[in-house]
Amino acid sequence: MRLKVDQKNDALYLRLDESAIVDSEEIKPGVILDYDAKENVVGIEILGLSHRMPIEKMKSVQIETA
């Protein structure tokens, strides 16, 4: 799993799996899901990140596992 914040494009991308992306769908304005050949979600992109959360909060990431 990879998490990337692209400040230049004001986007966050979460890659769940390294499978080839065969389709993408914008499910809400600025929220895009990437799918593999089996229609599994393998990536999530959020555009306009700076409008969704303050830049200060982007500097720290909290990861929780159960």
PDB file of N, CA and C in Angstrom:
ATOM      1  N   MET A   1       0.850  -1.164   0.000  1.00  0.00           N
ATOM      2  CA  MET A   1       0.000   0.000   0.000  1.00  0.00           C
ATOM      3  C   MET A   1       0.903   1.237   0.000  1.00  0.00           C
ATOM      4  N   ARG A   2       0.527   2.232  -0.804  1.00  0.00           N
ATOM      5  CA  ARG A   2       1.280   3.483  -0.890  1.00  0.00           C
ATOM      6  C   ARG A   2       0.328   4.661  -0.725  1.00  0.00           C
ATOM      7  N   LEU A   3       0.796   5.682  -0.064  1.00  0.00           N
ATOM      8  CA  LEU A   3       0.045   6.919   0.099  1.00  0.00           C
ATOM      9  C   LEU A   3       0.930   8.046  -0.404  1.00  0.00           C
ATOM     10  N   LYS A   4       0.391   8.855  -1.327  1.00  0.00           N
ATOM     11  CA  LYS A   4       1.175   9.946  -1.904  1.00  0.00           C
ATOM     12  C   LYS A   4       0.361  11.227  -1.864  1.00  0.00           C
ATOM     13  N   VAL A   5       0.983  12.284  -1.352  1.00  0.00           N
ATOM     14  CA  VAL A   5       0.386  13.614  -1.402  1.00  0.00           C
ATOM     15  C   VAL A   5       1.142  14.380  -2.473  1.00  0.00           C
ATOM     16  N   ASP A   6       0.419  14.830  -3.472  1.00  0.00           N
ATOM     17  CA  ASP A   6       0.986  15.579  -4.595  1.00  0.00           C
ATOM     18  C   ASP A   6       0.585  17.041  -4.419  1.00  0.00           C
ATOM     19  N   GLN A   7       1.486  17.839  -3.833  1.00  0.00           N
ATOM     20  CA  GLN A   7       1.159  19.234  -3.547  1.00  0.00           C
ATOM     21  C   GLN A   7       0.997  20.045  -4.827  1.00  0.00           C
ATOM     22  N   LYS A   8       1.775  19.726  -5.854  1.00  0.00           N
ATOM     23  CA  LYS A   8       1.691  20.463  -7.120  1.00  0.00           C
ATOM     24  C   LYS A   8       0.292  20.340  -7.732  1.00  0.00           C
ATOM     25  N   ASN A   9      -0.267  19.121  -7.698  1.00  0.00           N
ATOM     26  CA  ASN A   9      -1.594  18.883  -8.270  1.00  0.00           C
ATOM     27  C   ASN A   9      -2.705  18.906  -7.230  1.00  0.00           C
ATOM     28  N   ASP A  10      -2.336  19.207  -5.967  1.00  0.00           N
ATOM     29  CA  ASP A  10      -3.311  19.324  -4.885  1.00  0.00           C
ATOM     30  C   ASP A  10      -4.162  18.059  -4.768  1.00  0.00           C
ATOM     31  N   ALA A  11      -3.472  16.921  -4.690  1.00  0.00           N
ATOM     32  CA  ALA A  11      -4.175  15.633  -4.674  1.00  0.00           C
ATOM     33  C   ALA A  11      -3.532  14.659  -3.690  1.00  0.00           C
ATOM     34  N   LEU A  12      -4.352  13.713  -3.246  1.00  0.00           N
ATOM     35  CA  LEU A  12      -3.878  12.606  -2.425  1.00  0.00           C
ATOM     36  C   LEU A  12      -4.221  11.328  -3.174  1.00  0.00           C
ATOM     37  N   TYR A  13      -3.271  10.389  -3.213  1.00  0.00           N
ATOM     38  CA  TYR A  13      -3.527   9.123  -3.892  1.00  0.00           C
ATOM     39  C   TYR A  13      -3.157   7.978  -2.970  1.00  0.00           C
ATOM     40  N   LEU A  14      -4.095   7.070  -2.767  1.00  0.00           N
ATOM     41  CA  LEU A  14      -3.879   5.865  -1.970  1.00  0.00           C
ATOM     42  C   LEU A  14      -3.932   4.678  -2.916  1.00  0.00           C
ATOM     43  N   ARG A  15      -2.804   3.992  -3.051  1.00  0.00           N
ATOM     44  CA  ARG A  15      -2.726   2.813  -3.924  1.00  0.00           C
ATOM     45  C   ARG A  15      -2.778   1.579  -3.028  1.00  0.00           C
ATOM     46  N   LEU A  16      -3.824   0.786  -3.180  1.00  0.00           N
ATOM     47  CA  LEU A  16      -4.043  -0.387  -2.333  1.00  0.00           C
ATOM     48  C   LEU A  16      -3.329  -1.620  -2.858  1.00  0.00           C
ATOM     49  N   ASP A  17      -3.144  -1.677  -4.171  1.00  0.00           N
ATOM     50  CA  ASP A  17      -2.655  -2.885  -4.827  1.00  0.00           C
ATOM     51  C   ASP A  17      -1.913  -2.457  -6.085  1.00  0.00           C
ATOM     52  N   GLU A  18      -0.936  -3.229  -6.500  1.00  0.00           N
ATOM     53  CA  GLU A  18      -0.156  -2.880  -7.688  1.00  0.00           C
ATOM     54  C   GLU A  18      -0.714  -3.492  -8.974  1.00  0.00           C
ATOM     55  N   SER A  19      -1.926  -4.000  -8.922  1.00  0.00           N
ATOM     56  CA  SER A  19      -2.569  -4.533 -10.123  1.00  0.00           C
ATOM     57  C   SER A  19      -2.730  -3.425 -11.160  1.00  0.00           C
ATOM     58  N   ALA A  20      -2.783  -3.816 -12.435  1.00  0.00           N
ATOM     59  CA  ALA A  20      -2.987  -2.846 -13.506  1.00  0.00           C
ATOM     60  C   ALA A  20      -4.357  -2.193 -13.368  1.00  0.00           C
ATOM     61  N   ILE A  21      -4.399  -0.893 -13.584  1.00  0.00           N
ATOM     62  CA  ILE A  21      -5.660  -0.156 -13.543  1.00  0.00           C
ATOM     63  C   ILE A  21      -6.300  -0.247 -14.923  1.00  0.00           C
ATOM     64  N   VAL A  22      -7.534  -0.745 -14.967  1.00  0.00           N
ATOM     65  CA  VAL A  22      -8.225  -0.885 -16.249  1.00  0.00           C
ATOM     66  C   VAL A  22      -9.418   0.062 -16.378  1.00  0.00           C
ATOM     67  N   ASP A  23      -9.850   0.651 -15.262  1.00  0.00           N
ATOM     68  CA  ASP A  23     -10.982   1.561 -15.323  1.00  0.00           C
ATOM     69  C   ASP A  23     -10.907   2.503 -14.128  1.00  0.00           C
ATOM     70  N   SER A  24     -11.472   3.682 -14.284  1.00  0.00           N
ATOM     71  CA  SER A  24     -11.565   4.671 -13.211  1.00  0.00           C
ATOM     72  C   SER A  24     -12.962   5.261 -13.231  1.00  0.00           C
ATOM     73  N   GLU A  25     -13.427   5.653 -12.041  1.00  0.00           N
ATOM     74  CA  GLU A  25     -14.770   6.226 -11.930  1.00  0.00           C
ATOM     75  C   GLU A  25     -14.753   7.340 -10.894  1.00  0.00           C
ATOM     76  N   GLU A  26     -15.268   8.505 -11.263  1.00  0.00           N
ATOM     77  CA  GLU A  26     -15.410   9.600 -10.313  1.00  0.00           C
ATOM     78  C   GLU A  26     -16.739   9.395  -9.589  1.00  0.00           C
ATOM     79  N   ILE A  27     -16.651   8.980  -8.330  1.00  0.00           N
ATOM     80  CA  ILE A  27     -17.866   8.637  -7.587  1.00  0.00           C
ATOM     81  C   ILE A  27     -18.522   9.848  -6.930  1.00  0.00           C
ATOM     82  N   LYS A  28     -17.759  10.859  -6.673  1.00  0.00           N
ATOM     83  CA  LYS A  28     -18.213  12.159  -6.153  1.00  0.00           C
ATOM     84  C   LYS A  28     -17.276  13.181  -6.783  1.00  0.00           C
ATOM     85  N   PRO A  29     -17.659  14.441  -6.840  1.00  0.00           N
ATOM     86  CA  PRO A  29     -16.746  15.426  -7.410  1.00  0.00           C
ATOM     87  C   PRO A  29     -15.382  15.399  -6.719  1.00  0.00           C
ATOM     88  N   GLY A  30     -14.334  15.114  -7.490  1.00  0.00           N
ATOM     89  CA  GLY A  30     -12.981  15.094  -6.964  1.00  0.00           C
ATOM     90  C   GLY A  30     -12.563  13.823  -6.252  1.00  0.00           C
ATOM     91  N   VAL A  31     -13.397  12.790  -6.265  1.00  0.00           N
ATOM     92  CA  VAL A  31     -13.059  11.501  -5.636  1.00  0.00           C
ATOM     93  C   VAL A  31     -13.135  10.428  -6.715  1.00  0.00           C
ATOM     94  N   ILE A  32     -11.982   9.838  -7.020  1.00  0.00           N
ATOM     95  CA  ILE A  32     -11.879   8.900  -8.143  1.00  0.00           C
ATOM     96  C   ILE A  32     -11.404   7.544  -7.641  1.00  0.00           C
ATOM     97  N   LEU A  33     -12.104   6.498  -8.052  1.00  0.00           N
ATOM     98  CA  LEU A  33     -11.705   5.128  -7.730  1.00  0.00           C
ATOM     99  C   LEU A  33     -11.089   4.498  -8.968  1.00  0.00           C
ATOM    100  N   ASP A  34      -9.977   3.780  -8.769  1.00  0.00           N
ATOM    101  CA  ASP A  34      -9.342   3.015  -9.841  1.00  0.00           C
ATOM    102  C   ASP A  34      -9.626   1.537  -9.613  1.00  0.00           C
ATOM    103  N   TYR A  35      -9.944   0.836 -10.709  1.00  0.00           N
ATOM    104  CA  TYR A  35     -10.317  -0.582 -10.630  1.00  0.00           C
ATOM    105  C   TYR A  35      -9.354  -1.445 -11.431  1.00  0.00           C
ATOM    106  N   ASP A  36      -9.175  -2.700 -10.982  1.00  0.00           N
ATOM    107  CA  ASP A  36      -8.393  -3.669 -11.746  1.00  0.00           C
ATOM    108  C   ASP A  36      -9.329  -4.463 -12.666  1.00  0.00           C
ATOM    109  N   ALA A  37      -8.810  -5.465 -13.338  1.00  0.00           N
ATOM    110  CA  ALA A  37      -9.591  -6.250 -14.298  1.00  0.00           C
ATOM    111  C   ALA A  37     -10.740  -7.022 -13.645  1.00  0.00           C
ATOM    112  N   LYS A  38     -10.631  -7.295 -12.340  1.00  0.00           N
ATOM    113  CA  LYS A  38     -11.692  -8.019 -11.625  1.00  0.00           C
ATOM    114  C   LYS A  38     -12.674  -7.067 -10.935  1.00  0.00           C
ATOM    115  N   GLU A  39     -12.573  -5.777 -11.274  1.00  0.00           N
ATOM    116  CA  GLU A  39     -13.433  -4.728 -10.719  1.00  0.00           C
ATOM    117  C   GLU A  39     -13.206  -4.482  -9.235  1.00  0.00           C
ATOM    118  N   ASN A  40     -12.015  -4.832  -8.739  1.00  0.00           N
ATOM    119  CA  ASN A  40     -11.640  -4.509  -7.367  1.00  0.00           C
ATOM    120  C   ASN A  40     -11.062  -3.104  -7.337  1.00  0.00           C
ATOM    121  N   VAL A  41     -11.352  -2.357  -6.283  1.00  0.00           N
ATOM    122  CA  VAL A  41     -10.764  -1.035  -6.117  1.00  0.00           C
ATOM    123  C   VAL A  41      -9.290  -1.213  -5.749  1.00  0.00           C
ATOM    124  N   VAL A  42      -8.409  -0.602  -6.543  1.00  0.00           N
ATOM    125  CA  VAL A  42      -6.976  -0.695  -6.277  1.00  0.00           C
ATOM    126  C   VAL A  42      -6.343   0.664  -5.998  1.00  0.00           C
ATOM    127  N   GLY A  43      -7.114   1.744  -6.181  1.00  0.00           N
ATOM    128  CA  GLY A  43      -6.597   3.079  -5.911  1.00  0.00           C
ATOM    129  C   GLY A  43      -7.713   4.061  -5.645  1.00  0.00           C
ATOM    130  N   ILE A  44      -7.404   5.046  -4.830  1.00  0.00           N
ATOM    131  CA  ILE A  44      -8.356   6.103  -4.500  1.00  0.00           C
ATOM    132  C   ILE A  44      -7.623   7.432  -4.626  1.00  0.00           C
ATOM    133  N   GLU A  45      -8.171   8.332  -5.430  1.00  0.00           N
ATOM    134  CA  GLU A  45      -7.569   9.654  -5.606  1.00  0.00           C
ATOM    135  C   GLU A  45      -8.552  10.710  -5.127  1.00  0.00           C
ATOM    136  N   ILE A  46      -8.038  11.664  -4.365  1.00  0.00           N
ATOM    137  CA  ILE A  46      -8.846  12.775  -3.879  1.00  0.00           C
ATOM    138  C   ILE A  46      -8.213  14.055  -4.398  1.00  0.00           C
ATOM    139  N   LEU A  47      -8.969  14.778  -5.220  1.00  0.00           N
ATOM    140  CA  LEU A  47      -8.491  16.030  -5.803  1.00  0.00           C
ATOM    141  C   LEU A  47      -8.949  17.214  -4.954  1.00  0.00           C
ATOM    142  N   GLY A  48      -8.265  18.336  -5.087  1.00  0.00           N
ATOM    143  CA  GLY A  48      -8.628  19.523  -4.306  1.00  0.00           C
ATOM    144  C   GLY A  48      -8.403  19.313  -2.826  1.00  0.00           C
ATOM    145  N   LEU A  49      -7.318  18.631  -2.501  1.00  0.00           N
ATOM    146  CA  LEU A  49      -7.051  18.239  -1.115  1.00  0.00           C
ATOM    147  C   LEU A  49      -6.974  19.441  -0.173  1.00  0.00           C
ATOM    148  N   SER A  50      -6.357  20.527  -0.622  1.00  0.00           N
ATOM    149  CA  SER A  50      -6.207  21.696   0.253  1.00  0.00           C
ATOM    150  C   SER A  50      -7.549  22.332   0.610  1.00  0.00           C
ATOM    151  N   HIS A  51      -8.580  22.083  -0.172  1.00  0.00           N
ATOM    152  CA  HIS A  51      -9.913  22.600   0.136  1.00  0.00           C
ATOM    153  C   HIS A  51     -10.667  21.672   1.082  1.00  0.00           C
ATOM    154  N   ARG A  52     -10.162  20.468   1.243  1.00  0.00           N
ATOM    155  CA  ARG A  52     -10.836  19.474   2.091  1.00  0.00           C
ATOM    156  C   ARG A  52     -10.239  19.400   3.495  1.00  0.00           C
ATOM    157  N   MET A  53      -8.954  19.809   3.616  1.00  0.00           N
ATOM    158  CA  MET A  53      -8.304  19.782   4.922  1.00  0.00           C
ATOM    159  C   MET A  53      -7.189  20.817   4.966  1.00  0.00           C
ATOM    160  N   PRO A  54      -6.899  21.370   6.143  1.00  0.00           N
ATOM    161  CA  PRO A  54      -5.833  22.360   6.255  1.00  0.00           C
ATOM    162  C   PRO A  54      -4.468  21.753   5.923  1.00  0.00           C
ATOM    163  N   ILE A  55      -3.603  22.551   5.312  1.00  0.00           N
ATOM    164  CA  ILE A  55      -2.264  22.098   4.924  1.00  0.00           C
ATOM    165  C   ILE A  55      -1.470  21.591   6.124  1.00  0.00           C
ATOM    166  N   GLU A  56      -1.678  22.172   7.303  1.00  0.00           N
ATOM    167  CA  GLU A  56      -0.955  21.755   8.506  1.00  0.00           C
ATOM    168  C   GLU A  56      -1.230  20.284   8.842  1.00  0.00           C
ATOM    169  N   LYS A  57      -2.462  19.837   8.596  1.00  0.00           N
ATOM    170  CA  LYS A  57      -2.825  18.456   8.911  1.00  0.00           C
ATOM    171  C   LYS A  57      -2.227  17.469   7.912  1.00  0.00           C
ATOM    172  N   MET A  58      -1.843  17.948   6.736  1.00  0.00           N
ATOM    173  CA  MET A  58      -1.254  17.072   5.728  1.00  0.00           C
ATOM    174  C   MET A  58       0.182  16.695   6.067  1.00  0.00           C
ATOM    175  N   LYS A  59       0.793  17.432   7.002  1.00  0.00           N
ATOM    176  CA  LYS A  59       2.190  17.190   7.364  1.00  0.00           C
ATOM    177  C   LYS A  59       2.356  16.010   8.309  1.00  0.00           C
ATOM    178  N   SER A  60       1.277  15.529   8.888  1.00  0.00           N
ATOM    179  CA  SER A  60       1.370  14.365   9.770  1.00  0.00           C
ATOM    180  C   SER A  60       0.342  13.323   9.354  1.00  0.00           C
ATOM    181  N   VAL A  61       0.766  12.092   9.373  1.00  0.00           N
ATOM    182  CA  VAL A  61      -0.108  10.983   8.994  1.00  0.00           C
ATOM    183  C   VAL A  61      -0.165  10.016  10.163  1.00  0.00           C
ATOM    184  N   GLN A  62      -1.353   9.605  10.499  1.00  0.00           N
ATOM    185  CA  GLN A  62      -1.543   8.624  11.560  1.00  0.00           C
ATOM    186  C   GLN A  62      -2.058   7.348  10.926  1.00  0.00           C
ATOM    187  N   ILE A  63      -1.352   6.257  11.144  1.00  0.00           N
ATOM    188  CA  ILE A  63      -1.760   4.962  10.593  1.00  0.00           C
ATOM    189  C   ILE A  63      -2.177   4.071  11.754  1.00  0.00           C
ATOM    190  N   GLU A  64      -3.368   3.524  11.638  1.00  0.00           N
ATOM    191  CA  GLU A  64      -3.881   2.618  12.665  1.00  0.00           C
ATOM    192  C   GLU A  64      -4.057   1.233  12.072  1.00  0.00           C
ATOM    193  N   THR A  65      -3.616   0.243  12.771  1.00  0.00           N
ATOM    194  CA  THR A  65      -3.830  -1.143  12.376  1.00  0.00           C
ATOM    195  C   THR A  65      -4.466  -1.887  13.529  1.00  0.00           C
ATOM    196  N   ALA A  66      -5.283  -2.854  13.192  1.00  0.00           N
ATOM    197  CA  ALA A  66      -5.957  -3.616  14.242  1.00  0.00           C
ATOM    198  C   ALA A  66      -5.357  -4.995  14.357  1.00  0.00           C
TER     199      ALA A  66
END
